[in-house]
Amino acid sequence: MKILVTGGLGFIGSHTVVELQSEGFEVVIIDNLSNSSEKVLNGIVAITGIMPVFEKLDLREKSLVQDFFKRHSDVSGVIHFAASKAVGESVENPLLYYENNINTLIYLLQELQQKPKTHFIFSSSCTVYGNAEIMPINENASVKPAISPYGNTKQIGEEIITDVTKVSGINAILLRYFNPIGAHSSTEIGELPIGTPQNLVPFITQTGIGLRKELSVYGDDYPTADGTCVRDYIHVVDLAKAHVIALQRLLDSKNLAKLETFNLGTGIGSSVMEVIAAFEKVSGQKLPYKIVDRREGDVISAYSDTKKANSNLGWQTELTLEESMASAWKWEQKVRNN
């Protein structure tokens, strides 16, 4: 069964490709390499022994999307990762984000709605909940006004998919991620941010390896146990496995609704200082850091209620924060040594 994975050479996408191939799916990857590398294919092959079909293609080009589906008319499902994802950049260049994250989604759905039946998984985000008042956050929590164009594209994307599933043969699952971290245990694939990292863990590992002088901790005066922001950090392999389970749910028609939404997290909130401590424990070294002013747009706390995903998908996380940090550190060391 052929599955299209857009953005399949990215961090989450590549780990999901590995899990799909390990379960016997035939995978086709679309990626424009704007925030990834074709070398990731070598890592996928090293782990699975299978070279997925890869097409370098920009989904913003509607004619190219149309041509792709003419050549791959037997695609049974799509997992859509391809999107720009830097919050700060989206504030500075909102039109880039609306073009790249909304237009590409529309072009994909326009092709899929021509099929009598097909399946779609959308890479969404816990950012849709904004600064939630009740922890942990479940799927019934209200969607708050977005605090960035990036977050808004996720909200708009969910609304578009909701409307399209009502009038087409597309069944869809929206997966709202919390904070993916870590790397594959083989160290063949992992997170490879181009330029300045946008997430905490790559900043930590790059500081640990000496690539950066020190880590900036944005605020220590939040109303949390140690004053730093709290997030739900999920190992990327656990996250990737959830996509395969969600896809199988769609293919087996186990879901009763045309559209379902699931949070994907561990259900455990960890502060910035706790993440630093976990890194120091697994690496055996002290991490240089400094406390700086709060960063605009940061929510105080966000961690997932996992009950719905646990019960309906039969999925739960297996890897701990320390295991996640250990794999991220192992990956960073390999990348820099090479």
C-alpha atoms as a PDB file:
ATOM      1  CA  MET A   1       0.000   0.000   0.000  1.00  0.00           C
ATOM      2  CA  LYS A   2       1.496   3.305  -1.133  1.00  0.00           C
ATOM      3  CA  ILE A   3       1.624   6.220   1.309  1.00  0.00           C
ATOM      4  CA  LEU A   4       2.758   9.739   0.442  1.00  0.00           C
ATOM      5  CA  VAL A   5       4.761  11.501   3.158  1.00  0.00           C
ATOM      6  CA  THR A   6       5.243  15.202   2.479  1.00  0.00           C
ATOM      7  CA  GLY A   7       8.242  16.707   4.218  1.00  0.00           C
ATOM      8  CA  GLY A   8       9.439  13.133   4.616  1.00  0.00           C
ATOM      9  CA  LEU A   9      13.119  14.066   4.957  1.00  0.00           C
ATOM     10  CA  GLY A  10      12.477  16.364   7.898  1.00  0.00           C
ATOM     11  CA  PHE A  11      12.846  15.523  11.581  1.00  0.00           C
ATOM     12  CA  ILE A  12       9.451  13.950  12.295  1.00  0.00           C
ATOM     13  CA  GLY A  13       8.852  12.952   8.684  1.00  0.00           C
ATOM     14  CA  SER A  14      11.999  10.833   8.355  1.00  0.00           C
ATOM     15  CA  HIS A  15      11.305   8.959  11.597  1.00  0.00           C
ATOM     16  CA  THR A  16       7.757   8.299  10.412  1.00  0.00           C
ATOM     17  CA  VAL A  17       9.021   6.987   7.069  1.00  0.00           C
ATOM     18  CA  VAL A  18      11.204   4.524   8.987  1.00  0.00           C
ATOM     19  CA  GLU A  19       8.227   3.291  11.039  1.00  0.00           C
ATOM     20  CA  LEU A  20       6.000   3.029   7.943  1.00  0.00           C
ATOM     21  CA  GLN A  21       8.578   0.994   6.029  1.00  0.00           C
ATOM     22  CA  SER A  22       9.172  -1.199   9.052  1.00  0.00           C
ATOM     23  CA  GLU A  23       5.442  -2.018   9.001  1.00  0.00           C
ATOM     24  CA  GLY A  24       5.491  -2.918   5.307  1.00  0.00           C
ATOM     25  CA  PHE A  25       4.127   0.251   3.722  1.00  0.00           C
ATOM     26  CA  GLU A  26       5.475   1.505   0.391  1.00  0.00           C
ATOM     27  CA  VAL A  27       6.504   5.121   0.925  1.00  0.00           C
ATOM     28  CA  VAL A  28       6.820   8.014  -1.491  1.00  0.00           C
ATOM     29  CA  ILE A  29       8.468  11.149  -0.117  1.00  0.00           C
ATOM     30  CA  ILE A  30       7.944  14.690  -1.341  1.00  0.00           C
ATOM     31  CA  ASP A  31      10.344  17.285   0.053  1.00  0.00           C
ATOM     32  CA  ASN A  32      11.680  20.546  -1.357  1.00  0.00           C
ATOM     33  CA  LEU A  33      14.810  20.318   0.858  1.00  0.00           C
ATOM     34  CA  SER A  34      14.257  23.850   2.207  1.00  0.00           C
ATOM     35  CA  ASN A  35      14.871  22.636   5.756  1.00  0.00           C
ATOM     36  CA  SER A  36      16.253  19.141   5.208  1.00  0.00           C
ATOM     37  CA  SER A  37      18.892  17.192   3.317  1.00  0.00           C
ATOM     38  CA  GLU A  38      18.748  14.448   0.705  1.00  0.00           C
ATOM     39  CA  LYS A  39      21.427  12.684   2.785  1.00  0.00           C
ATOM     40  CA  VAL A  40      18.645  11.695   5.202  1.00  0.00           C
ATOM     41  CA  LEU A  41      17.686   9.032   2.642  1.00  0.00           C
ATOM     42  CA  ASN A  42      20.943   7.239   3.471  1.00  0.00           C
ATOM     43  CA  GLY A  43      19.938   7.065   7.125  1.00  0.00           C
ATOM     44  CA  ILE A  44      16.499   5.695   6.269  1.00  0.00           C
ATOM     45  CA  VAL A  45      18.064   2.997   4.103  1.00  0.00           C
ATOM     46  CA  ALA A  46      20.635   2.152   6.791  1.00  0.00           C
ATOM     47  CA  ILE A  47      17.831   1.503   9.291  1.00  0.00           C
ATOM     48  CA  THR A  48      15.235  -0.208   7.097  1.00  0.00           C
ATOM     49  CA  GLY A  49      17.213  -1.599   4.175  1.00  0.00           C
ATOM     50  CA  ILE A  50      14.669   0.040   1.850  1.00  0.00           C
ATOM     51  CA  MET A  51      15.108   3.109  -0.348  1.00  0.00           C
ATOM     52  CA  PRO A  52      11.830   5.044  -0.458  1.00  0.00           C
ATOM     53  CA  VAL A  53      10.819   6.796  -3.653  1.00  0.00           C
ATOM     54  CA  PHE A  54      11.869  10.439  -3.346  1.00  0.00           C
ATOM     55  CA  GLU A  55      10.730  13.401  -5.404  1.00  0.00           C
ATOM     56  CA  LYS A  56      12.203  16.848  -4.891  1.00  0.00           C
ATOM     57  CA  LEU A  57       9.094  18.896  -5.402  1.00  0.00           C
ATOM     58  CA  ASP A  58       7.763  22.223  -4.172  1.00  0.00           C
ATOM     59  CA  LEU A  59       4.130  21.780  -3.180  1.00  0.00           C
ATOM     60  CA  ARG A  60       3.534  25.493  -3.786  1.00  0.00           C
ATOM     61  CA  GLU A  61       3.636  24.686  -7.510  1.00  0.00           C
ATOM     62  CA  LYS A  62       0.080  23.519  -8.180  1.00  0.00           C
ATOM     63  CA  SER A  63       0.871  22.053 -11.600  1.00  0.00           C
ATOM     64  CA  LEU A  64       3.620  19.900 -10.090  1.00  0.00           C
ATOM     65  CA  VAL A  65       1.217  18.580  -7.439  1.00  0.00           C
ATOM     66  CA  GLN A  66      -1.306  17.720 -10.143  1.00  0.00           C
ATOM     67  CA  ASP A  67       1.374  15.957 -12.178  1.00  0.00           C
ATOM     68  CA  PHE A  68       2.536  13.986  -9.137  1.00  0.00           C
ATOM     69  CA  PHE A  69      -0.925  12.530  -8.496  1.00  0.00           C
ATOM     70  CA  LYS A  70      -1.323  11.634 -12.172  1.00  0.00           C
ATOM     71  CA  ARG A  71       1.880   9.602 -11.924  1.00  0.00           C
ATOM     72  CA  HIS A  72       1.027   8.192  -8.483  1.00  0.00           C
ATOM     73  CA  SER A  73      -2.696   7.603  -8.793  1.00  0.00           C
ATOM     74  CA  ASP A  74      -2.413   4.561  -6.497  1.00  0.00           C
ATOM     75  CA  VAL A  75      -1.533   6.598  -3.379  1.00  0.00           C
ATOM     76  CA  SER A  76      -3.834   5.291  -0.623  1.00  0.00           C
ATOM     77  CA  GLY A  77      -3.071   7.869   2.042  1.00  0.00           C
ATOM     78  CA  VAL A  78      -1.140  11.028   2.791  1.00  0.00           C
ATOM     79  CA  ILE A  79       0.732  12.087   5.925  1.00  0.00           C
ATOM     80  CA  HIS A  80       1.291  15.819   5.560  1.00  0.00           C
ATOM     81  CA  PHE A  81       4.307  17.215   7.412  1.00  0.00           C
ATOM     82  CA  ALA A  82       5.593  19.725   4.860  1.00  0.00           C
ATOM     83  CA  ALA A  83       5.320  23.197   6.384  1.00  0.00           C
ATOM     84  CA  SER A  84       7.365  26.107   7.627  1.00  0.00           C
ATOM     85  CA  LYS A  85       7.492  25.968  11.421  1.00  0.00           C
ATOM     86  CA  ALA A  86       9.557  28.788  12.988  1.00  0.00           C
ATOM     87  CA  VAL A  87       7.312  30.986  15.133  1.00  0.00           C
ATOM     88  CA  GLY A  88       9.637  34.001  15.043  1.00  0.00           C
ATOM     89  CA  GLU A  89      10.139  33.824  11.303  1.00  0.00           C
ATOM     90  CA  SER A  90       6.377  33.598  10.782  1.00  0.00           C
ATOM     91  CA  VAL A  91       5.941  36.902  12.644  1.00  0.00           C
ATOM     92  CA  GLU A  92       8.575  38.550  10.438  1.00  0.00           C
ATOM     93  CA  ASN A  93       7.351  37.021   7.169  1.00  0.00           C
ATOM     94  CA  PRO A  94       3.689  36.027   7.536  1.00  0.00           C
ATOM     95  CA  LEU A  95       2.935  35.778   3.809  1.00  0.00           C
ATOM     96  CA  LEU A  96       5.640  33.134   3.372  1.00  0.00           C
ATOM     97  CA  TYR A  97       3.909  31.038   6.037  1.00  0.00           C
ATOM     98  CA  TYR A  98       0.423  31.486   4.635  1.00  0.00           C
ATOM     99  CA  GLU A  99       1.620  30.563   1.149  1.00  0.00           C
ATOM    100  CA  ASN A 100       3.734  27.606   2.230  1.00  0.00           C
ATOM    101  CA  ASN A 101       1.416  26.155   4.875  1.00  0.00           C
ATOM    102  CA  ILE A 102      -2.040  26.921   3.470  1.00  0.00           C
ATOM    103  CA  ASN A 103      -1.672  26.839  -0.313  1.00  0.00           C
ATOM    104  CA  THR A 104       0.181  23.528  -0.236  1.00  0.00           C
ATOM    105  CA  LEU A 105      -2.534  21.965   1.916  1.00  0.00           C
ATOM    106  CA  ILE A 106      -5.229  23.164  -0.487  1.00  0.00           C
ATOM    107  CA  TYR A 107      -3.408  21.783  -3.537  1.00  0.00           C
ATOM    108  CA  LEU A 108      -3.051  18.377  -1.880  1.00  0.00           C
ATOM    109  CA  LEU A 109      -6.699  18.222  -0.819  1.00  0.00           C
ATOM    110  CA  GLN A 110      -7.879  19.303  -4.279  1.00  0.00           C
ATOM    111  CA  GLU A 111      -6.217  16.223  -5.739  1.00  0.00           C
ATOM    112  CA  LEU A 112      -7.339  13.871  -2.973  1.00  0.00           C
ATOM    113  CA  GLN A 113     -11.001  14.917  -3.143  1.00  0.00           C
ATOM    114  CA  GLN A 114     -11.120  13.574  -6.702  1.00  0.00           C
ATOM    115  CA  LYS A 115     -10.689  10.073  -5.304  1.00  0.00           C
ATOM    116  CA  PRO A 116     -13.789   8.147  -4.166  1.00  0.00           C
ATOM    117  CA  LYS A 117     -12.073   7.439  -0.843  1.00  0.00           C
ATOM    118  CA  THR A 118      -8.724   8.339   0.647  1.00  0.00           C
ATOM    119  CA  HIS A 119      -7.026   9.029   3.967  1.00  0.00           C
ATOM    120  CA  PHE A 120      -5.242  12.091   5.301  1.00  0.00           C
ATOM    121  CA  ILE A 121      -3.199  12.719   8.447  1.00  0.00           C
ATOM    122  CA  PHE A 122      -2.384  16.312   9.309  1.00  0.00           C
ATOM    123  CA  SER A 123       0.639  17.401  11.294  1.00  0.00           C
ATOM    124  CA  SER A 124      -0.892  19.911  13.688  1.00  0.00           C
ATOM    125  CA  SER A 125       0.305  21.421  16.952  1.00  0.00           C
ATOM    126  CA  CYS A 126      -0.617  22.081  20.554  1.00  0.00           C
ATOM    127  CA  THR A 127      -0.102  25.765  19.712  1.00  0.00           C
ATOM    128  CA  VAL A 128      -3.778  25.795  18.701  1.00  0.00           C
ATOM    129  CA  TYR A 129      -4.668  25.756  22.411  1.00  0.00           C
ATOM    130  CA  GLY A 130      -2.734  28.956  23.117  1.00  0.00           C
ATOM    131  CA  ASN A 131      -2.192  29.709  26.796  1.00  0.00           C
ATOM    132  CA  ALA A 132      -4.519  27.019  28.106  1.00  0.00           C
ATOM    133  CA  GLU A 133      -5.879  27.589  31.597  1.00  0.00           C
ATOM    134  CA  ILE A 134      -6.374  23.963  32.627  1.00  0.00           C
ATOM    135  CA  MET A 135      -3.655  21.291  32.683  1.00  0.00           C
ATOM    136  CA  PRO A 136      -3.334  18.722  31.295  1.00  0.00           C
ATOM    137  CA  ILE A 137      -4.797  19.838  27.954  1.00  0.00           C
ATOM    138  CA  ASN A 138      -7.394  17.529  26.401  1.00  0.00           C
ATOM    139  CA  GLU A 139      -8.878  17.619  22.920  1.00  0.00           C
ATOM    140  CA  ASN A 140     -11.982  19.443  24.129  1.00  0.00           C
ATOM    141  CA  ALA A 141      -9.974  22.453  25.274  1.00  0.00           C
ATOM    142  CA  SER A 142     -10.935  25.594  23.393  1.00  0.00           C
ATOM    143  CA  VAL A 143      -8.846  26.670  20.433  1.00  0.00           C
ATOM    144  CA  LYS A 144      -7.521  30.121  21.310  1.00  0.00           C
ATOM    145  CA  PRO A 145      -6.673  32.990  18.948  1.00  0.00           C
ATOM    146  CA  ALA A 146      -3.250  32.230  17.507  1.00  0.00           C
ATOM    147  CA  ILE A 147      -0.269  34.138  18.879  1.00  0.00           C
ATOM    148  CA  SER A 148       1.720  33.806  15.649  1.00  0.00           C
ATOM    149  CA  PRO A 149       1.092  33.383  11.914  1.00  0.00           C
ATOM    150  CA  TYR A 150       2.594  29.876  12.249  1.00  0.00           C
ATOM    151  CA  GLY A 151       0.029  28.926  14.877  1.00  0.00           C
ATOM    152  CA  ASN A 152      -2.697  30.489  12.777  1.00  0.00           C
ATOM    153  CA  THR A 153      -1.764  28.325   9.782  1.00  0.00           C
ATOM    154  CA  LYS A 154      -2.293  25.237  11.930  1.00  0.00           C
ATOM    155  CA  GLN A 155      -5.709  26.467  13.029  1.00  0.00           C
ATOM    156  CA  ILE A 156      -6.719  27.412   9.484  1.00  0.00           C
ATOM    157  CA  GLY A 157      -5.387  24.077   8.203  1.00  0.00           C
ATOM    158  CA  GLU A 158      -7.548  22.180  10.686  1.00  0.00           C
ATOM    159  CA  GLU A 159     -10.602  24.241   9.651  1.00  0.00           C
ATOM    160  CA  ILE A 160      -9.989  23.569   5.949  1.00  0.00           C
ATOM    161  CA  ILE A 161      -9.645  19.823   6.531  1.00  0.00           C
ATOM    162  CA  THR A 162     -12.799  19.809   8.696  1.00  0.00           C
ATOM    163  CA  ASP A 163     -14.813  21.453   5.916  1.00  0.00           C
ATOM    164  CA  VAL A 164     -13.415  19.253   3.133  1.00  0.00           C
ATOM    165  CA  THR A 165     -14.062  15.948   4.929  1.00  0.00           C
ATOM    166  CA  LYS A 166     -17.762  16.875   5.120  1.00  0.00           C
ATOM    167  CA  VAL A 167     -18.144  16.982   1.329  1.00  0.00           C
ATOM    168  CA  SER A 168     -15.601  14.444   0.035  1.00  0.00           C
ATOM    169  CA  GLY A 169     -14.370  10.885   0.378  1.00  0.00           C
ATOM    170  CA  ILE A 170     -11.444  12.056   2.507  1.00  0.00           C
ATOM    171  CA  ASN A 171     -11.225  10.654   6.038  1.00  0.00           C
ATOM    172  CA  ALA A 172      -8.782  12.533   8.211  1.00  0.00           C
ATOM    173  CA  ILE A 173      -7.036  12.553  11.564  1.00  0.00           C
ATOM    174  CA  LEU A 174      -5.579  15.720  13.060  1.00  0.00           C
ATOM    175  CA  LEU A 175      -2.574  15.030  15.292  1.00  0.00           C
ATOM    176  CA  ARG A 176      -1.711  17.842  17.681  1.00  0.00           C
ATOM    177  CA  TYR A 177       1.913  17.432  18.745  1.00  0.00           C
ATOM    178  CA  PHE A 178       3.457  18.716  21.891  1.00  0.00           C
ATOM    179  CA  ASN A 179       7.304  18.947  21.796  1.00  0.00           C
ATOM    180  CA  PRO A 180       9.126  16.284  19.744  1.00  0.00           C
ATOM    181  CA  ILE A 181      12.730  15.646  20.743  1.00  0.00           C
ATOM    182  CA  GLY A 182      15.376  12.924  20.540  1.00  0.00           C
ATOM    183  CA  ALA A 183      16.714  10.840  17.681  1.00  0.00           C
ATOM    184  CA  HIS A 184      16.542   7.290  16.355  1.00  0.00           C
ATOM    185  CA  SER A 185      18.488   4.842  18.517  1.00  0.00           C
ATOM    186  CA  SER A 186      20.666   3.938  15.527  1.00  0.00           C
ATOM    187  CA  THR A 187      21.848   7.597  15.271  1.00  0.00           C
ATOM    188  CA  GLU A 188      21.245   7.304  11.540  1.00  0.00           C
ATOM    189  CA  ILE A 189      18.608  10.059  11.597  1.00  0.00           C
ATOM    190  CA  GLY A 190      17.808  12.887  13.999  1.00  0.00           C
ATOM    191  CA  GLU A 191      17.021  16.589  14.221  1.00  0.00           C
ATOM    192  CA  LEU A 192      19.184  18.680  11.874  1.00  0.00           C
ATOM    193  CA  PRO A 193      18.140  22.339  12.198  1.00  0.00           C
ATOM    194  CA  ILE A 194      19.460  24.564   9.445  1.00  0.00           C
ATOM    195  CA  GLY A 195      20.828  27.787  10.919  1.00  0.00           C
ATOM    196  CA  THR A 196      19.784  28.841  14.413  1.00  0.00           C
ATOM    197  CA  PRO A 197      17.645  26.180  16.125  1.00  0.00           C
ATOM    198  CA  GLN A 198      14.059  27.119  16.969  1.00  0.00           C
ATOM    199  CA  ASN A 199      13.654  24.519  19.723  1.00  0.00           C
ATOM    200  CA  LEU A 200      15.179  24.015  23.170  1.00  0.00           C
ATOM    201  CA  VAL A 201      16.852  20.619  22.829  1.00  0.00           C
ATOM    202  CA  PRO A 202      19.013  21.356  19.740  1.00  0.00           C
ATOM    203  CA  PHE A 203      20.149  24.530  21.524  1.00  0.00           C
ATOM    204  CA  ILE A 204      21.106  22.425  24.543  1.00  0.00           C
ATOM    205  CA  THR A 205      23.033  19.800  22.561  1.00  0.00           C
ATOM    206  CA  GLN A 206      24.766  22.411  20.386  1.00  0.00           C
ATOM    207  CA  THR A 207      25.830  24.247  23.545  1.00  0.00           C
ATOM    208  CA  GLY A 208      26.959  20.970  25.083  1.00  0.00           C
ATOM    209  CA  ILE A 209      29.133  20.166  22.071  1.00  0.00           C
ATOM    210  CA  GLY A 210      30.684  23.644  22.148  1.00  0.00           C
ATOM    211  CA  LEU A 211      29.007  25.019  19.033  1.00  0.00           C
ATOM    212  CA  ARG A 212      27.362  27.737  21.143  1.00  0.00           C
ATOM    213  CA  LYS A 213      28.819  29.599  24.114  1.00  0.00           C
ATOM    214  CA  GLU A 214      25.817  29.226  26.404  1.00  0.00           C
ATOM    215  CA  LEU A 215      22.106  28.520  26.482  1.00  0.00           C
ATOM    216  CA  SER A 216      19.654  31.360  27.045  1.00  0.00           C
ATOM    217  CA  VAL A 217      16.821  30.479  29.435  1.00  0.00           C
ATOM    218  CA  TYR A 218      13.952  32.834  28.707  1.00  0.00           C
ATOM    219  CA  GLY A 219      12.668  33.853  32.121  1.00  0.00           C
ATOM    220  CA  ASP A 220      12.802  32.273  35.573  1.00  0.00           C
ATOM    221  CA  ASP A 221       9.876  34.157  37.088  1.00  0.00           C
ATOM    222  CA  TYR A 222       6.956  32.158  35.701  1.00  0.00           C
ATOM    223  CA  PRO A 223       4.421  30.711  38.170  1.00  0.00           C
ATOM    224  CA  THR A 224       5.943  27.223  37.964  1.00  0.00           C
ATOM    225  CA  ALA A 225       7.920  25.122  40.448  1.00  0.00           C
ATOM    226  CA  ASP A 226      11.315  26.512  39.396  1.00  0.00           C
ATOM    227  CA  GLY A 227      10.153  29.634  37.544  1.00  0.00           C
ATOM    228  CA  THR A 228      10.824  28.328  34.018  1.00  0.00           C
ATOM    229  CA  CYS A 229       8.307  27.361  31.335  1.00  0.00           C
ATOM    230  CA  VAL A 230       6.873  23.848  31.361  1.00  0.00           C
ATOM    231  CA  ARG A 231       6.375  21.734  28.234  1.00  0.00           C
ATOM    232  CA  ASP A 232       5.544  18.156  27.277  1.00  0.00           C
ATOM    233  CA  TYR A 233       8.585  16.588  25.561  1.00  0.00           C
ATOM    234  CA  ILE A 234       7.834  13.477  23.484  1.00  0.00           C
ATOM    235  CA  HIS A 235      10.432  11.237  21.862  1.00  0.00           C
ATOM    236  CA  VAL A 236      10.195  11.506  18.088  1.00  0.00           C
ATOM    237  CA  VAL A 237      10.081   7.711  17.655  1.00  0.00           C
ATOM    238  CA  ASP A 238       7.042   7.466  19.941  1.00  0.00           C
ATOM    239  CA  LEU A 239       5.475  10.258  17.889  1.00  0.00           C
ATOM    240  CA  ALA A 240       6.295   8.535  14.593  1.00  0.00           C
ATOM    241  CA  LYS A 241       4.723   5.285  15.775  1.00  0.00           C
ATOM    242  CA  ALA A 242       1.516   7.158  16.574  1.00  0.00           C
ATOM    243  CA  HIS A 243       1.272   8.199  12.917  1.00  0.00           C
ATOM    244  CA  VAL A 244       1.449   4.600  11.748  1.00  0.00           C
ATOM    245  CA  ILE A 245      -1.258   3.578  14.227  1.00  0.00           C
ATOM    246  CA  ALA A 246      -3.447   6.517  13.166  1.00  0.00           C
ATOM    247  CA  LEU A 247      -2.982   5.610   9.497  1.00  0.00           C
ATOM    248  CA  GLN A 248      -3.888   1.987  10.152  1.00  0.00           C
ATOM    249  CA  ARG A 249      -6.994   3.196  11.985  1.00  0.00           C
ATOM    250  CA  LEU A 250      -8.053   5.105   8.872  1.00  0.00           C
ATOM    251  CA  LEU A 251      -7.243   2.249   6.498  1.00  0.00           C
ATOM    252  CA  ASP A 252      -9.105  -0.281   8.638  1.00  0.00           C
ATOM    253  CA  SER A 253     -12.047   2.133   8.956  1.00  0.00           C
ATOM    254  CA  LYS A 254     -11.950   1.698  12.721  1.00  0.00           C
ATOM    255  CA  ASN A 255     -12.795   5.343  13.255  1.00  0.00           C
ATOM    256  CA  LEU A 256     -16.526   6.032  13.240  1.00  0.00           C
ATOM    257  CA  ALA A 257     -16.152   9.712  12.371  1.00  0.00           C
ATOM    258  CA  LYS A 258     -14.944  11.291   9.141  1.00  0.00           C
ATOM    259  CA  LEU A 259     -12.586  13.412  11.202  1.00  0.00           C
ATOM    260  CA  GLU A 260     -10.826  12.773  14.502  1.00  0.00           C
ATOM    261  CA  THR A 261      -8.392  14.792  16.601  1.00  0.00           C
ATOM    262  CA  PHE A 262      -5.747  13.449  18.981  1.00  0.00           C
ATOM    263  CA  ASN A 263      -3.172  15.074  21.234  1.00  0.00           C
ATOM    264  CA  LEU A 264       0.243  13.422  21.094  1.00  0.00           C
ATOM    265  CA  GLY A 265       2.351  13.922  24.198  1.00  0.00           C
ATOM    266  CA  THR A 266       3.593  12.099  27.260  1.00  0.00           C
ATOM    267  CA  GLY A 267       1.224  13.691  29.749  1.00  0.00           C
ATOM    268  CA  ILE A 268       4.234  14.876  31.784  1.00  0.00           C
ATOM    269  CA  GLY A 269       5.209  18.524  32.037  1.00  0.00           C
ATOM    270  CA  SER A 270       8.943  19.234  32.297  1.00  0.00           C
ATOM    271  CA  SER A 271      10.433  22.654  32.984  1.00  0.00           C
ATOM    272  CA  VAL A 272      13.360  24.113  31.081  1.00  0.00           C
ATOM    273  CA  MET A 273      15.576  23.548  34.130  1.00  0.00           C
ATOM    274  CA  GLU A 274      14.454  19.914  34.355  1.00  0.00           C
ATOM    275  CA  VAL A 275      15.405  19.396  30.700  1.00  0.00           C
ATOM    276  CA  ILE A 276      18.811  20.947  31.362  1.00  0.00           C
ATOM    277  CA  ALA A 277      19.245  18.663  34.388  1.00  0.00           C
ATOM    278  CA  ALA A 278      18.325  15.610  32.293  1.00  0.00           C
ATOM    279  CA  PHE A 279      20.951  16.586  29.722  1.00  0.00           C
ATOM    280  CA  GLU A 280      23.594  17.083  32.402  1.00  0.00           C
ATOM    281  CA  LYS A 281      22.815  13.658  33.853  1.00  0.00           C
ATOM    282  CA  VAL A 282      23.051  11.715  30.571  1.00  0.00           C
ATOM    283  CA  SER A 283      26.049  13.676  29.242  1.00  0.00           C
ATOM    284  CA  GLY A 284      27.987  13.851  32.487  1.00  0.00           C
ATOM    285  CA  GLN A 285      28.808  17.516  31.958  1.00  0.00           C
ATOM    286  CA  LYS A 286      27.583  20.884  33.189  1.00  0.00           C
ATOM    287  CA  LEU A 287      25.733  23.029  30.680  1.00  0.00           C
ATOM    288  CA  PRO A 288      26.571  26.751  30.588  1.00  0.00           C
ATOM    289  CA  TYR A 289      23.407  28.853  30.609  1.00  0.00           C
ATOM    290  CA  LYS A 290      22.160  32.288  31.566  1.00  0.00           C
ATOM    291  CA  ILE A 291      18.763  33.624  32.551  1.00  0.00           C
ATOM    292  CA  VAL A 292      17.481  36.291  30.146  1.00  0.00           C
ATOM    293  CA  ASP A 293      14.212  38.171  29.735  1.00  0.00           C
ATOM    294  CA  ARG A 294      11.025  36.338  28.900  1.00  0.00           C
ATOM    295  CA  ARG A 295      10.389  35.677  25.218  1.00  0.00           C
ATOM    296  CA  GLU A 296       7.239  37.173  23.756  1.00  0.00           C
ATOM    297  CA  GLY A 297       4.594  34.582  22.944  1.00  0.00           C
ATOM    298  CA  ASP A 298       5.834  31.850  25.292  1.00  0.00           C
ATOM    299  CA  VAL A 299       3.014  30.190  27.216  1.00  0.00           C
ATOM    300  CA  ILE A 300       3.591  29.344  30.866  1.00  0.00           C
ATOM    301  CA  SER A 301       2.756  25.665  30.767  1.00  0.00           C
ATOM    302  CA  ALA A 302       1.518  23.136  28.214  1.00  0.00           C
ATOM    303  CA  TYR A 303       1.301  19.385  28.614  1.00  0.00           C
ATOM    304  CA  SER A 304      -1.058  16.824  27.205  1.00  0.00           C
ATOM    305  CA  ASP A 305      -3.938  14.790  28.508  1.00  0.00           C
ATOM    306  CA  THR A 306      -3.152  11.486  26.789  1.00  0.00           C
ATOM    307  CA  LYS A 307      -6.330   9.560  27.658  1.00  0.00           C
ATOM    308  CA  LYS A 308      -8.008   9.839  24.254  1.00  0.00           C
ATOM    309  CA  ALA A 309      -4.947   8.746  22.268  1.00  0.00           C
ATOM    310  CA  ASN A 310      -4.238   5.970  24.791  1.00  0.00           C
ATOM    311  CA  SER A 311      -7.762   4.534  24.651  1.00  0.00           C
ATOM    312  CA  ASN A 312      -8.869   5.185  21.053  1.00  0.00           C
ATOM    313  CA  LEU A 313      -5.572   4.599  19.273  1.00  0.00           C
ATOM    314  CA  GLY A 314      -4.202   2.056  21.712  1.00  0.00           C
ATOM    315  CA  TRP A 315      -0.984   4.076  21.726  1.00  0.00           C
ATOM    316  CA  GLN A 316       1.204   5.334  24.512  1.00  0.00           C
ATOM    317  CA  THR A 317       4.708   6.690  24.835  1.00  0.00           C
ATOM    318  CA  GLU A 318       7.508   4.371  25.880  1.00  0.00           C
ATOM    319  CA  LEU A 319      10.627   6.552  26.082  1.00  0.00           C
ATOM    320  CA  THR A 320      11.486   8.867  28.988  1.00  0.00           C
ATOM    321  CA  LEU A 321      12.870  12.396  29.022  1.00  0.00           C
ATOM    322  CA  GLU A 322      16.319  11.088  29.950  1.00  0.00           C
ATOM    323  CA  GLU A 323      16.243   8.522  27.130  1.00  0.00           C
ATOM    324  CA  SER A 324      15.177  11.275  24.744  1.00  0.00           C
ATOM    325  CA  MET A 325      18.010  13.545  25.852  1.00  0.00           C
ATOM    326  CA  ALA A 326      20.528  10.709  25.656  1.00  0.00           C
ATOM    327  CA  SER A 327      19.556   9.940  22.050  1.00  0.00           C
ATOM    328  CA  ALA A 328      19.629  13.643  21.112  1.00  0.00           C
ATOM    329  CA  TRP A 329      23.119  13.973  22.630  1.00  0.00           C
ATOM    330  CA  LYS A 330      24.369  10.834  20.898  1.00  0.00           C
ATOM    331  CA  TRP A 331      23.045  12.189  17.593  1.00  0.00           C
ATOM    332  CA  GLU A 332      24.664  15.617  18.132  1.00  0.00           C
ATOM    333  CA  GLN A 333      28.012  13.990  18.834  1.00  0.00           C
ATOM    334  CA  LYS A 334      27.792  11.907  15.684  1.00  0.00           C
ATOM    335  CA  VAL A 335      26.853  14.882  13.507  1.00  0.00           C
ATOM    336  CA  ARG A 336      29.718  17.040  14.794  1.00  0.00           C
ATOM    337  CA  ASN A 337      32.287  14.235  14.688  1.00  0.00           C
ATOM    338  CA  ASN A 338      31.406  13.624  11.048  1.00  0.00           C
END
